[in-house]
């Protein structure tokens, strides 16, 4: 197998207004579309660009959310705002199908390379502004006719100091210049939050729970990290109890600097062997092989773009392991050692990863 070509440029679609995107990202999570929705958009966009004779290959995607409005009722307990469907053919009331919808203002960042025919001169280079502008205009036109996470794209609203037109920028070969480019781009993504993967936090949570609580599964650790775990806070050594007699409570797992972490789906794991095309009845596509799967979960973190140090930290790419039947998205984010929770130091340094306990991360 030939190695995948390296990304040559960055294709940015800033401040996309998405109406009624899918807010139910998996059977266990909601609040923002799954990252698989955006990798799927990446592949669909590449195919449509090929039909439009735009020779771009898309490698990875980054998502920055500037605003979101989930369509739910307000209050301590929230429920989705649902629609009543038309009556059935016999006049009876149709059942309500629960659909989670969310309005988004997001920026999508793709790394791309040029699809070149053997012997042809490269076009995706510095200085070819005319050709690059034609490609980016066509890409914007193609994307405007597509669905983004099941939602419809609305025309972008221009505002002072805000870029709303797509942009294709060639990556510099010099590392210093590439770093300067990224600093310029990340300023344009403010204010907003980028979604990055934090598999390391889930693995650390599992080790700590196994040490403090006892036998714990990866699902237990994920559910523990997905909620608040308030405990009574004992007075510090030498400190008197509170005068009013009230007992303070806090979550020891979410201390200062722990970040805005969220449970997220990151892909799919196979439940069945691979079936040949047309072997399973009533499938959506009778020409494509089929495999039954379930969602794979991990932890993610919403982080301000100005805290990212290089482009790869923002990006998600697809990873396929046919042997294990694992199809998941990987994030290029690696935490700064200075931001690692000091509680991680309490983990057992001699603890070894169990292959059976880490099937999906």
Foldseek 3Di string as FASTA:
>chain_A
DDDDDDFFKKKKAAFWKWWFFFQCCAPVGGGDHAVVLVVVVQVVLCVVLVVVVQFKHWFWKFKWFDDKDKQWDDDPDIAHDWDFDAADPVRHGDDTDGTITMITTMMMMTGIDGDDDPPDDDQLDPPNVPVQVVSQVVSVVVVQPDHRNNTHTDDGDDDPPADRGMDMGTADPDPVVNLVVLLVVLVNSPPTWIKFFCQVVLVLQCLVCCVPPNDDASVRSLVVVADADKDWDDDDPPDDDDPVPDTDIHRPVDDPLPAAKHKHWFFWAFPDAKAAQQPDPPDPGSHDIDTDIHTDMGMIGIHRSNPDRHDQQRIKGWDDDNVRRTTGIHGSRDDDVVSPDPVSVVGDPPDDDDCVRPSHD
